Amino acid sequence: MTDNPKIDPTTGTETTGHSWDGIEELNTPLPRWWLWTFYATIVWGVIYTILYPAWPMVSGATAGLLGYSTRAEVAAEIERVDLSNADLIDSLVTVDLAVLRDNEDLHRFAVQAGRSVFAANCSQCHGAGAGGVVASGYPNLLDDDWLWGGTMDDIAYTVRHGIRNEEDPDARFSEMPPFDWMEDAELDATAHFVRSLSDLDHNATAAAKGATLYADNCSACHGEKGLGNREIGAPNLADAIWLRGDSQEAILRQLKAPRMGVMPPWQARLGEAEVRAVTAYVYGLGGGEAAVGDAEAAPAE
């Protein structure tokens, strides 16, 4: 501001002395209602920081005089929902998974609860739709190709204990050795034979040579016809489903330097009810299998 304020001749309002490209800024005061509203927000902000959690500290934040906590509110709501479903949860923990589908209400509750558990804990690897990721070796849970079995009990065991982790001594475990000691021509022949098992394009001459190599080195786990072995998690090589790709290059890469996935155990993190719930959800995605005894007992249609 200057000692001799300039008055805008058009509006009769004092100017601030600032000018941009010939346009002068008027020193128009703010409306009183706006100023009082602004002052009120300042007062409200001070009161809020006193009453509610607000100021960050080293290991937390100020609690506020009212002791309000959104975490406590959420925890109370979760407890309320758990109490309302207590009977269903107790039944889910004790029911024989093989006959869970016979109880319509309990099965519906388990599947819906399992959907949430899957979204929060499993979808990061298996995908939101459970389709898996071939490039990373995360299995597709929608098909009926199971490394360790697809019955309710099989799936529940895998969820509880995981695969190849160091946290649970009961984790499922298998290990494919590297065959980098083979010559390149032998590896190539073996890969051609493996492709022939599932009727993929292959070099018949090389596959014939690879048959002997396969029988000597691979059949002990994958079987003479490549049908796999669920007892040790050996994949079926004779179908059209591949965990890490079915190209010649992908198979050669797996022969030279096998990649094997790790799944954490979820029993301690989820608890038995949620383990069973996510089992019911995964089983119902389309690839679940009946136990042998159940299949034999099922009436023919």
C-alpha atoms as a PDB file:
ATOM      1  CA  MET A   1       0.000   0.000   0.000  1.00  0.00           C
ATOM      2  CA  THR A   2       1.157   3.569  -0.634  1.00  0.00           C
ATOM      3  CA  ASP A   3       0.827   6.648   1.562  1.00  0.00           C
ATOM      4  CA  ASN A   4      -1.367   8.205  -1.135  1.00  0.00           C
ATOM      5  CA  PRO A   5      -3.925   5.543  -2.038  1.00  0.00           C
ATOM      6  CA  LYS A   6      -5.312   5.591  -5.537  1.00  0.00           C
ATOM      7  CA  ILE A   7      -9.050   5.447  -6.069  1.00  0.00           C
ATOM      8  CA  ASP A   8     -10.446   3.549  -9.042  1.00  0.00           C
ATOM      9  CA  PRO A   9     -12.572   6.107 -10.921  1.00  0.00           C
ATOM     10  CA  THR A  10     -15.082   3.547 -12.166  1.00  0.00           C
ATOM     11  CA  THR A  11     -15.957   1.811  -8.873  1.00  0.00           C
ATOM     12  CA  GLY A  12     -14.751   4.397  -6.398  1.00  0.00           C
ATOM     13  CA  THR A  13     -12.809   1.652  -4.602  1.00  0.00           C
ATOM     14  CA  GLU A  14      -9.285   2.053  -3.319  1.00  0.00           C
ATOM     15  CA  THR A  15      -6.673   0.003  -5.251  1.00  0.00           C
ATOM     16  CA  THR A  16      -3.871  -2.061  -3.762  1.00  0.00           C
ATOM     17  CA  GLY A  17      -1.241  -0.498  -5.948  1.00  0.00           C
ATOM     18  CA  HIS A  18      -0.690  -3.701  -7.902  1.00  0.00           C
ATOM     19  CA  SER A  19      -1.063  -3.587 -11.644  1.00  0.00           C
ATOM     20  CA  TRP A  20      -0.777  -6.283 -14.313  1.00  0.00           C
ATOM     21  CA  ASP A  21      -0.847  -5.294 -17.959  1.00  0.00           C
ATOM     22  CA  GLY A  22      -2.662  -2.125 -17.033  1.00  0.00           C
ATOM     23  CA  ILE A  23      -5.235  -3.904 -14.904  1.00  0.00           C
ATOM     24  CA  GLU A  24      -5.221  -2.622 -11.325  1.00  0.00           C
ATOM     25  CA  GLU A  25      -6.230  -4.715  -8.320  1.00  0.00           C
ATOM     26  CA  LEU A  26      -9.042  -3.339  -6.212  1.00  0.00           C
ATOM     27  CA  ASN A  27      -8.729  -3.470  -2.445  1.00  0.00           C
ATOM     28  CA  THR A  28     -12.196  -4.920  -1.967  1.00  0.00           C
ATOM     29  CA  PRO A  29     -12.798  -6.188   1.600  1.00  0.00           C
ATOM     30  CA  LEU A  30     -14.091  -9.714   2.100  1.00  0.00           C
ATOM     31  CA  PRO A  31     -17.765 -10.096   2.983  1.00  0.00           C
ATOM     32  CA  ARG A  32     -18.385 -10.164   6.727  1.00  0.00           C
ATOM     33  CA  TRP A  33     -20.279 -13.445   6.532  1.00  0.00           C
ATOM     34  CA  TRP A  34     -17.273 -15.063   4.825  1.00  0.00           C
ATOM     35  CA  LEU A  35     -14.860 -13.778   7.464  1.00  0.00           C
ATOM     36  CA  TRP A  36     -16.988 -14.998  10.345  1.00  0.00           C
ATOM     37  CA  THR A  37     -17.379 -18.393   8.667  1.00  0.00           C
ATOM     38  CA  PHE A  38     -13.610 -18.594   8.270  1.00  0.00           C
ATOM     39  CA  TYR A  39     -13.043 -17.699  11.919  1.00  0.00           C
ATOM     40  CA  ALA A  40     -15.617 -20.326  12.927  1.00  0.00           C
ATOM     41  CA  THR A  41     -13.761 -23.038  11.020  1.00  0.00           C
ATOM     42  CA  ILE A  42     -10.578 -22.125  12.876  1.00  0.00           C
ATOM     43  CA  VAL A  43     -12.350 -22.413  16.220  1.00  0.00           C
ATOM     44  CA  TRP A  44     -13.949 -25.695  15.118  1.00  0.00           C
ATOM     45  CA  GLY A  45     -10.549 -27.050  14.021  1.00  0.00           C
ATOM     46  CA  VAL A  46      -9.027 -26.293  17.436  1.00  0.00           C
ATOM     47  CA  ILE A  47     -11.980 -27.895  19.261  1.00  0.00           C
ATOM     48  CA  TYR A  48     -11.824 -30.963  16.978  1.00  0.00           C
ATOM     49  CA  THR A  49      -8.121 -31.565  17.627  1.00  0.00           C
ATOM     50  CA  ILE A  50      -8.835 -31.428  21.363  1.00  0.00           C
ATOM     51  CA  LEU A  51     -11.821 -33.792  21.327  1.00  0.00           C
ATOM     52  CA  TYR A  52     -10.751 -36.308  18.647  1.00  0.00           C
ATOM     53  CA  PRO A  53      -7.524 -38.111  17.657  1.00  0.00           C
ATOM     54  CA  ALA A  54      -5.563 -35.601  15.631  1.00  0.00           C
ATOM     55  CA  TRP A  55      -1.892 -34.903  16.284  1.00  0.00           C
ATOM     56  CA  PRO A  56       0.582 -37.573  15.101  1.00  0.00           C
ATOM     57  CA  MET A  57       3.122 -38.682  17.671  1.00  0.00           C
ATOM     58  CA  VAL A  58       6.124 -41.020  17.511  1.00  0.00           C
ATOM     59  CA  SER A  59       4.192 -44.241  18.087  1.00  0.00           C
ATOM     60  CA  GLY A  60       0.591 -43.142  17.612  1.00  0.00           C
ATOM     61  CA  ALA A  61      -1.539 -40.026  17.841  1.00  0.00           C
ATOM     62  CA  THR A  62      -3.256 -37.956  20.483  1.00  0.00           C
ATOM     63  CA  ALA A  63      -6.352 -39.836  21.656  1.00  0.00           C
ATOM     64  CA  GLY A  64      -8.629 -36.840  22.157  1.00  0.00           C
ATOM     65  CA  LEU A  65     -10.793 -36.092  25.186  1.00  0.00           C
ATOM     66  CA  LEU A  66     -13.731 -38.138  23.836  1.00  0.00           C
ATOM     67  CA  GLY A  67     -11.568 -41.242  23.373  1.00  0.00           C
ATOM     68  CA  TYR A  68     -13.119 -41.922  19.956  1.00  0.00           C
ATOM     69  CA  SER A  69     -11.435 -44.554  17.756  1.00  0.00           C
ATOM     70  CA  THR A  70     -12.462 -45.694  14.293  1.00  0.00           C
ATOM     71  CA  ARG A  71     -10.492 -48.903  14.860  1.00  0.00           C
ATOM     72  CA  ALA A  72     -12.477 -49.619  18.006  1.00  0.00           C
ATOM     73  CA  GLU A  73     -15.682 -48.855  16.127  1.00  0.00           C
ATOM     74  CA  VAL A  74     -14.798 -51.313  13.362  1.00  0.00           C
ATOM     75  CA  ALA A  75     -13.732 -53.934  15.906  1.00  0.00           C
ATOM     76  CA  ALA A  76     -17.039 -53.551  17.717  1.00  0.00           C
ATOM     77  CA  GLU A  77     -18.964 -53.940  14.475  1.00  0.00           C
ATOM     78  CA  ILE A  78     -16.973 -57.066  13.569  1.00  0.00           C
ATOM     79  CA  GLU A  79     -17.670 -58.489  17.024  1.00  0.00           C
ATOM     80  CA  ARG A  80     -21.371 -57.732  16.603  1.00  0.00           C
ATOM     81  CA  VAL A  81     -21.475 -59.549  13.253  1.00  0.00           C
ATOM     82  CA  ASP A  82     -19.492 -62.480  14.651  1.00  0.00           C
ATOM     83  CA  LEU A  83     -21.911 -62.804  17.551  1.00  0.00           C
ATOM     84  CA  SER A  84     -24.884 -62.768  15.188  1.00  0.00           C
ATOM     85  CA  ASN A  85     -23.238 -65.568  13.174  1.00  0.00           C
ATOM     86  CA  ALA A  86     -21.846 -67.452  16.166  1.00  0.00           C
ATOM     87  CA  ASP A  87     -24.004 -70.524  15.611  1.00  0.00           C
ATOM     88  CA  LEU A  88     -23.038 -70.752  11.940  1.00  0.00           C
ATOM     89  CA  ILE A  89     -19.354 -70.252  12.732  1.00  0.00           C
ATOM     90  CA  ASP A  90     -19.421 -72.975  15.401  1.00  0.00           C
ATOM     91  CA  SER A  91     -21.146 -75.333  12.983  1.00  0.00           C
ATOM     92  CA  LEU A  92     -18.667 -74.530  10.211  1.00  0.00           C
ATOM     93  CA  VAL A  93     -15.710 -75.363  12.458  1.00  0.00           C
ATOM     94  CA  THR A  94     -17.070 -78.796  13.372  1.00  0.00           C
ATOM     95  CA  VAL A  95     -18.929 -79.932  10.228  1.00  0.00           C
ATOM     96  CA  ASP A  96     -17.504 -82.668   8.035  1.00  0.00           C
ATOM     97  CA  LEU A  97     -16.440 -80.769   4.925  1.00  0.00           C
ATOM     98  CA  ALA A  98     -17.530 -83.644   2.722  1.00  0.00           C
ATOM     99  CA  VAL A  99     -21.166 -83.050   3.671  1.00  0.00           C
ATOM    100  CA  LEU A 100     -21.066 -79.254   4.002  1.00  0.00           C
ATOM    101  CA  ARG A 101     -23.171 -78.877   0.850  1.00  0.00           C
ATOM    102  CA  ASP A 102     -25.985 -80.838   2.475  1.00  0.00           C
ATOM    103  CA  ASN A 103     -26.618 -77.931   4.848  1.00  0.00           C
ATOM    104  CA  GLU A 104     -27.849 -75.204   2.507  1.00  0.00           C
ATOM    105  CA  ASP A 105     -27.749 -72.317   4.986  1.00  0.00           C
ATOM    106  CA  LEU A 106     -24.328 -73.229   6.353  1.00  0.00           C
ATOM    107  CA  HIS A 107     -22.912 -73.793   2.873  1.00  0.00           C
ATOM    108  CA  ARG A 108     -24.214 -70.418   1.658  1.00  0.00           C
ATOM    109  CA  PHE A 109     -22.698 -68.696   4.686  1.00  0.00           C
ATOM    110  CA  ALA A 110     -19.341 -70.448   4.154  1.00  0.00           C
ATOM    111  CA  VAL A 111     -19.138 -69.535   0.470  1.00  0.00           C
ATOM    112  CA  GLN A 112     -19.996 -65.881   1.056  1.00  0.00           C
ATOM    113  CA  ALA A 113     -17.519 -65.620   3.928  1.00  0.00           C
ATOM    114  CA  GLY A 114     -14.912 -67.453   1.865  1.00  0.00           C
ATOM    115  CA  ARG A 115     -15.349 -64.993  -0.986  1.00  0.00           C
ATOM    116  CA  SER A 116     -14.269 -62.166   1.323  1.00  0.00           C
ATOM    117  CA  VAL A 117     -11.370 -64.178   2.738  1.00  0.00           C
ATOM    118  CA  PHE A 118     -10.184 -65.004  -0.780  1.00  0.00           C
ATOM    119  CA  ALA A 119     -10.387 -61.380  -1.935  1.00  0.00           C
ATOM    120  CA  ALA A 120      -8.386 -60.166   1.067  1.00  0.00           C
ATOM    121  CA  ASN A 121      -5.737 -62.892   1.219  1.00  0.00           C
ATOM    122  CA  CYS A 122      -5.561 -65.021  -1.928  1.00  0.00           C
ATOM    123  CA  SER A 123      -6.443 -62.852  -4.919  1.00  0.00           C
ATOM    124  CA  GLN A 124      -3.059 -61.109  -4.864  1.00  0.00           C
ATOM    125  CA  CYS A 125      -1.467 -64.289  -6.239  1.00  0.00           C
ATOM    126  CA  HIS A 126      -4.295 -66.293  -7.802  1.00  0.00           C
ATOM    127  CA  GLY A 127      -6.066 -63.264  -9.271  1.00  0.00           C
ATOM    128  CA  ALA A 128      -9.376 -61.646  -8.394  1.00  0.00           C
ATOM    129  CA  GLY A 129     -11.176 -64.232 -10.502  1.00  0.00           C
ATOM    130  CA  ALA A 130      -8.924 -67.111  -9.304  1.00  0.00           C
ATOM    131  CA  GLY A 131      -7.646 -67.671 -12.848  1.00  0.00           C
ATOM    132  CA  GLY A 132      -4.027 -67.770 -11.734  1.00  0.00           C
ATOM    133  CA  VAL A 133      -0.989 -66.259 -13.479  1.00  0.00           C
ATOM    134  CA  VAL A 134       0.900 -68.636 -15.785  1.00  0.00           C
ATOM    135  CA  ALA A 135       3.931 -66.372 -16.133  1.00  0.00           C
ATOM    136  CA  SER A 136       4.457 -66.401 -12.352  1.00  0.00           C
ATOM    137  CA  GLY A 137       3.400 -69.983 -11.701  1.00  0.00           C
ATOM    138  CA  TYR A 138       0.277 -69.181  -9.669  1.00  0.00           C
ATOM    139  CA  PRO A 139      -2.223 -72.012 -10.268  1.00  0.00           C
ATOM    140  CA  ASN A 140      -5.594 -71.563 -11.897  1.00  0.00           C
ATOM    141  CA  LEU A 141      -8.221 -72.521  -9.314  1.00  0.00           C
ATOM    142  CA  LEU A 142     -11.086 -72.626 -11.796  1.00  0.00           C
ATOM    143  CA  ASP A 143     -10.112 -75.814 -13.621  1.00  0.00           C
ATOM    144  CA  ASP A 144     -10.068 -79.399 -12.379  1.00  0.00           C
ATOM    145  CA  ASP A 145      -6.292 -79.856 -12.560  1.00  0.00           C
ATOM    146  CA  TRP A 146      -4.959 -80.135  -9.014  1.00  0.00           C
ATOM    147  CA  LEU A 147      -1.348 -80.708  -7.985  1.00  0.00           C
ATOM    148  CA  TRP A 148      -2.284 -81.974  -4.532  1.00  0.00           C
ATOM    149  CA  GLY A 149      -5.924 -82.985  -4.980  1.00  0.00           C
ATOM    150  CA  GLY A 150      -9.151 -81.064  -5.299  1.00  0.00           C
ATOM    151  CA  THR A 151     -11.410 -82.532  -2.633  1.00  0.00           C
ATOM    152  CA  MET A 152     -12.619 -80.309   0.190  1.00  0.00           C
ATOM    153  CA  ASP A 153     -10.220 -81.959   2.616  1.00  0.00           C
ATOM    154  CA  ASP A 154      -7.305 -81.670   0.161  1.00  0.00           C
ATOM    155  CA  ILE A 155      -7.923 -77.971  -0.401  1.00  0.00           C
ATOM    156  CA  ALA A 156      -8.382 -77.305   3.319  1.00  0.00           C
ATOM    157  CA  TYR A 157      -5.059 -79.019   4.098  1.00  0.00           C
ATOM    158  CA  THR A 158      -3.258 -76.928   1.499  1.00  0.00           C
ATOM    159  CA  VAL A 159      -4.793 -73.721   2.843  1.00  0.00           C
ATOM    160  CA  ARG A 160      -3.941 -74.619   6.438  1.00  0.00           C
ATOM    161  CA  HIS A 161      -0.318 -75.615   5.908  1.00  0.00           C
ATOM    162  CA  GLY A 162       0.724 -74.090   2.581  1.00  0.00           C
ATOM    163  CA  ILE A 163       3.349 -75.349   0.175  1.00  0.00           C
ATOM    164  CA  ARG A 164       7.140 -75.355   0.483  1.00  0.00           C
ATOM    165  CA  ASN A 165       7.218 -72.744   3.235  1.00  0.00           C
ATOM    166  CA  GLU A 166       9.549 -72.713   6.226  1.00  0.00           C
ATOM    167  CA  GLU A 167       6.862 -71.741   8.723  1.00  0.00           C
ATOM    168  CA  ASP A 168       4.839 -74.949   8.917  1.00  0.00           C
ATOM    169  CA  PRO A 169       6.476 -78.375   9.329  1.00  0.00           C
ATOM    170  CA  ASP A 170       3.357 -79.953   7.813  1.00  0.00           C
ATOM    171  CA  ALA A 171       3.505 -77.874   4.633  1.00  0.00           C
ATOM    172  CA  ARG A 172       3.165 -79.816   1.394  1.00  0.00           C
ATOM    173  CA  PHE A 173       6.583 -80.274  -0.101  1.00  0.00           C
ATOM    174  CA  SER A 174       8.021 -81.477  -3.381  1.00  0.00           C
ATOM    175  CA  GLU A 175      11.138 -80.534  -5.269  1.00  0.00           C
ATOM    176  CA  MET A 176      12.100 -80.997  -8.889  1.00  0.00           C
ATOM    177  CA  PRO A 177      15.861 -81.312  -9.380  1.00  0.00           C
ATOM    178  CA  PRO A 178      17.602 -79.354 -12.136  1.00  0.00           C
ATOM    179  CA  PHE A 179      18.634 -81.384 -15.150  1.00  0.00           C
ATOM    180  CA  ASP A 180      21.321 -78.960 -16.223  1.00  0.00           C
ATOM    181  CA  TRP A 181      23.779 -81.844 -16.256  1.00  0.00           C
ATOM    182  CA  MET A 182      22.154 -83.101 -19.448  1.00  0.00           C
ATOM    183  CA  GLU A 183      23.534 -82.041 -22.800  1.00  0.00           C
ATOM    184  CA  ASP A 184      21.512 -79.508 -24.759  1.00  0.00           C
ATOM    185  CA  ALA A 185      20.471 -82.111 -27.299  1.00  0.00           C
ATOM    186  CA  GLU A 186      19.201 -84.404 -24.527  1.00  0.00           C
ATOM    187  CA  LEU A 187      17.260 -81.602 -22.904  1.00  0.00           C
ATOM    188  CA  ASP A 188      15.748 -80.647 -26.235  1.00  0.00           C
ATOM    189  CA  ALA A 189      14.742 -84.264 -26.926  1.00  0.00           C
ATOM    190  CA  THR A 190      13.169 -84.601 -23.474  1.00  0.00           C
ATOM    191  CA  ALA A 191      11.187 -81.395 -23.966  1.00  0.00           C
ATOM    192  CA  HIS A 192       9.886 -82.666 -27.313  1.00  0.00           C
ATOM    193  CA  PHE A 193       8.775 -85.905 -25.683  1.00  0.00           C
ATOM    194  CA  VAL A 194       7.011 -84.009 -22.892  1.00  0.00           C
ATOM    195  CA  ARG A 195       5.167 -81.949 -25.502  1.00  0.00           C
ATOM    196  CA  SER A 196       4.172 -85.145 -27.284  1.00  0.00           C
ATOM    197  CA  LEU A 197       2.436 -86.399 -24.124  1.00  0.00           C
ATOM    198  CA  SER A 198      -0.238 -83.719 -24.518  1.00  0.00           C
ATOM    199  CA  ASP A 199      -0.335 -83.846 -28.337  1.00  0.00           C
ATOM    200  CA  LEU A 200       1.458 -80.522 -28.788  1.00  0.00           C
ATOM    201  CA  ASP A 201       3.517 -79.872 -31.906  1.00  0.00           C
ATOM    202  CA  HIS A 202       6.842 -81.654 -31.565  1.00  0.00           C
ATOM    203  CA  ASN A 203       9.715 -83.218 -33.458  1.00  0.00           C
ATOM    204  CA  ALA A 204       8.869 -86.928 -33.617  1.00  0.00           C
ATOM    205  CA  THR A 205      12.488 -88.009 -34.082  1.00  0.00           C
ATOM    206  CA  ALA A 206      13.663 -85.970 -31.105  1.00  0.00           C
ATOM    207  CA  ALA A 207      10.698 -87.127 -29.024  1.00  0.00           C
ATOM    208  CA  ALA A 208      11.602 -90.770 -29.693  1.00  0.00           C
ATOM    209  CA  LYS A 209      15.062 -90.127 -28.266  1.00  0.00           C
ATOM    210  CA  GLY A 210      13.584 -88.175 -25.386  1.00  0.00           C
ATOM    211  CA  ALA A 211      11.279 -91.073 -24.420  1.00  0.00           C
ATOM    212  CA  THR A 212      14.214 -93.016 -22.979  1.00  0.00           C
ATOM    213  CA  LEU A 213      15.553 -89.984 -21.152  1.00  0.00           C
ATOM    214  CA  TYR A 214      12.098 -89.307 -19.725  1.00  0.00           C
ATOM    215  CA  ALA A 215      11.675 -92.915 -18.572  1.00  0.00           C
ATOM    216  CA  ASP A 216      15.061 -92.848 -16.841  1.00  0.00           C
ATOM    217  CA  ASN A 217      14.797 -89.440 -15.197  1.00  0.00           C
ATOM    218  CA  CYS A 218      11.201 -88.170 -15.039  1.00  0.00           C
ATOM    219  CA  SER A 219       8.775 -91.093 -14.901  1.00  0.00           C
ATOM    220  CA  ALA A 220       9.476 -91.840 -11.232  1.00  0.00           C
ATOM    221  CA  CYS A 221       7.554 -88.666 -10.314  1.00  0.00           C
ATOM    222  CA  HIS A 222       5.400 -87.848 -13.321  1.00  0.00           C
ATOM    223  CA  GLY A 223       4.511 -91.442 -14.218  1.00  0.00           C
ATOM    224  CA  GLU A 224       5.248 -93.444 -17.346  1.00  0.00           C
ATOM    225  CA  LYS A 225       2.423 -91.715 -19.242  1.00  0.00           C
ATOM    226  CA  GLY A 226       3.028 -88.330 -17.655  1.00  0.00           C
ATOM    227  CA  LEU A 227      -0.171 -88.356 -15.621  1.00  0.00           C
ATOM    228  CA  GLY A 228       1.561 -86.967 -12.533  1.00  0.00           C
ATOM    229  CA  ASN A 229       1.396 -87.952  -8.882  1.00  0.00           C
ATOM    230  CA  ARG A 230      -0.687 -85.968  -6.399  1.00  0.00           C
ATOM    231  CA  GLU A 231       0.971 -87.626  -3.433  1.00  0.00           C
ATOM    232  CA  ILE A 232       4.111 -85.612  -4.201  1.00  0.00           C
ATOM    233  CA  GLY A 233       2.572 -82.743  -6.157  1.00  0.00           C
ATOM    234  CA  ALA A 234       4.024 -83.846  -9.500  1.00  0.00           C
ATOM    235  CA  PRO A 235       2.059 -82.174 -12.335  1.00  0.00           C
ATOM    236  CA  ASN A 236       0.125 -84.023 -15.004  1.00  0.00           C
ATOM    237  CA  LEU A 237       2.088 -83.527 -18.231  1.00  0.00           C
ATOM    238  CA  ALA A 238      -0.459 -85.201 -20.485  1.00  0.00           C
ATOM    239  CA  ASP A 239      -3.247 -82.635 -20.336  1.00  0.00           C
ATOM    240  CA  ALA A 240      -3.596 -79.151 -21.798  1.00  0.00           C
ATOM    241  CA  ILE A 241      -3.073 -77.303 -18.512  1.00  0.00           C
ATOM    242  CA  TRP A 242       0.399 -75.949 -17.775  1.00  0.00           C
ATOM    243  CA  LEU A 243       1.539 -74.107 -14.710  1.00  0.00           C
ATOM    244  CA  ARG A 244       4.507 -72.342 -16.304  1.00  0.00           C
ATOM    245  CA  GLY A 245       3.817 -72.558 -20.023  1.00  0.00           C
ATOM    246  CA  ASP A 246       3.815 -75.318 -22.646  1.00  0.00           C
ATOM    247  CA  SER A 247       6.241 -73.897 -25.210  1.00  0.00           C
ATOM    248  CA  GLN A 248       9.480 -75.700 -25.984  1.00  0.00           C
ATOM    249  CA  GLU A 249      11.378 -72.825 -24.398  1.00  0.00           C
ATOM    250  CA  ALA A 250       9.266 -72.855 -21.247  1.00  0.00           C
ATOM    251  CA  ILE A 251       9.734 -76.600 -20.755  1.00  0.00           C
ATOM    252  CA  LEU A 252      13.487 -76.348 -21.373  1.00  0.00           C
ATOM    253  CA  ARG A 253      13.707 -73.537 -18.836  1.00  0.00           C
ATOM    254  CA  GLN A 254      11.905 -75.654 -16.259  1.00  0.00           C
ATOM    255  CA  LEU A 255      14.185 -78.621 -16.941  1.00  0.00           C
ATOM    256  CA  LYS A 256      17.363 -76.578 -16.557  1.00  0.00           C
ATOM    257  CA  ALA A 257      16.357 -74.441 -13.578  1.00  0.00           C
ATOM    258  CA  PRO A 258      13.048 -75.572 -12.052  1.00  0.00           C
ATOM    259  CA  ARG A 259      10.920 -72.863 -10.495  1.00  0.00           C
ATOM    260  CA  MET A 260       8.764 -73.972  -7.590  1.00  0.00           C
ATOM    261  CA  GLY A 261       6.208 -71.794  -5.900  1.00  0.00           C
ATOM    262  CA  VAL A 262       5.775 -71.149  -2.188  1.00  0.00           C
ATOM    263  CA  MET A 263       2.417 -70.748  -0.469  1.00  0.00           C
ATOM    264  CA  PRO A 264       2.269 -69.539   3.144  1.00  0.00           C
ATOM    265  CA  PRO A 265       0.297 -71.399   5.800  1.00  0.00           C
ATOM    266  CA  TRP A 266      -2.974 -69.692   6.660  1.00  0.00           C
ATOM    267  CA  GLN A 267      -4.164 -71.612   9.724  1.00  0.00           C
ATOM    268  CA  ALA A 268      -2.652 -69.257  12.293  1.00  0.00           C
ATOM    269  CA  ARG A 269      -3.581 -66.133  10.350  1.00  0.00           C
ATOM    270  CA  LEU A 270      -7.161 -66.990   9.486  1.00  0.00           C
ATOM    271  CA  GLY A 271      -8.357 -69.526  12.038  1.00  0.00           C
ATOM    272  CA  GLU A 272     -10.227 -72.748  11.301  1.00  0.00           C
ATOM    273  CA  ALA A 273     -13.568 -71.136  10.432  1.00  0.00           C
ATOM    274  CA  GLU A 274     -12.086 -68.903   7.737  1.00  0.00           C
ATOM    275  CA  VAL A 275      -9.893 -71.721   6.413  1.00  0.00           C
ATOM    276  CA  ARG A 276     -13.006 -73.825   5.912  1.00  0.00           C
ATOM    277  CA  ALA A 277     -14.916 -70.884   4.461  1.00  0.00           C
ATOM    278  CA  VAL A 278     -12.301 -70.125   1.799  1.00  0.00           C
ATOM    279  CA  THR A 279     -12.058 -73.864   1.094  1.00  0.00           C
ATOM    280  CA  ALA A 280     -15.784 -73.961   0.359  1.00  0.00           C
ATOM    281  CA  TYR A 281     -15.445 -70.912  -1.888  1.00  0.00           C
ATOM    282  CA  VAL A 282     -12.488 -72.283  -3.878  1.00  0.00           C
ATOM    283  CA  TYR A 283     -14.116 -75.690  -4.153  1.00  0.00           C
ATOM    284  CA  GLY A 284     -17.225 -74.112  -5.618  1.00  0.00           C
ATOM    285  CA  LEU A 285     -15.363 -72.134  -8.275  1.00  0.00           C
ATOM    286  CA  GLY A 286     -15.680 -75.060 -10.671  1.00  0.00           C
ATOM    287  CA  GLY A 287     -12.673 -77.285 -10.203  1.00  0.00           C
ATOM    288  CA  GLY A 288     -13.502 -79.002  -6.940  1.00  0.00           C
ATOM    289  CA  GLU A 289     -13.573 -82.784  -6.886  1.00  0.00           C
ATOM    290  CA  ALA A 290     -15.559 -85.303  -4.890  1.00  0.00           C
ATOM    291  CA  ALA A 291     -13.608 -87.666  -2.677  1.00  0.00           C
ATOM    292  CA  VAL A 292     -13.215 -91.176  -4.080  1.00  0.00           C
ATOM    293  CA  GLY A 293     -15.605 -92.596  -1.512  1.00  0.00           C
ATOM    294  CA  ASP A 294     -18.142 -89.872  -2.229  1.00  0.00           C
ATOM    295  CA  ALA A 295     -17.932 -90.447  -5.962  1.00  0.00           C
ATOM    296  CA  GLU A 296     -18.485 -94.163  -5.561  1.00  0.00           C
ATOM    297  CA  ALA A 297     -21.445 -93.587  -3.263  1.00  0.00           C
ATOM    298  CA  ALA A 298     -23.107 -90.980  -5.491  1.00  0.00           C
ATOM    299  CA  PRO A 299     -26.142 -92.298  -7.354  1.00  0.00           C
ATOM    300  CA  ALA A 300     -25.900 -92.572 -11.105  1.00  0.00           C
ATOM    301  CA  GLU A 301     -27.915 -90.036 -13.069  1.00  0.00           C
END
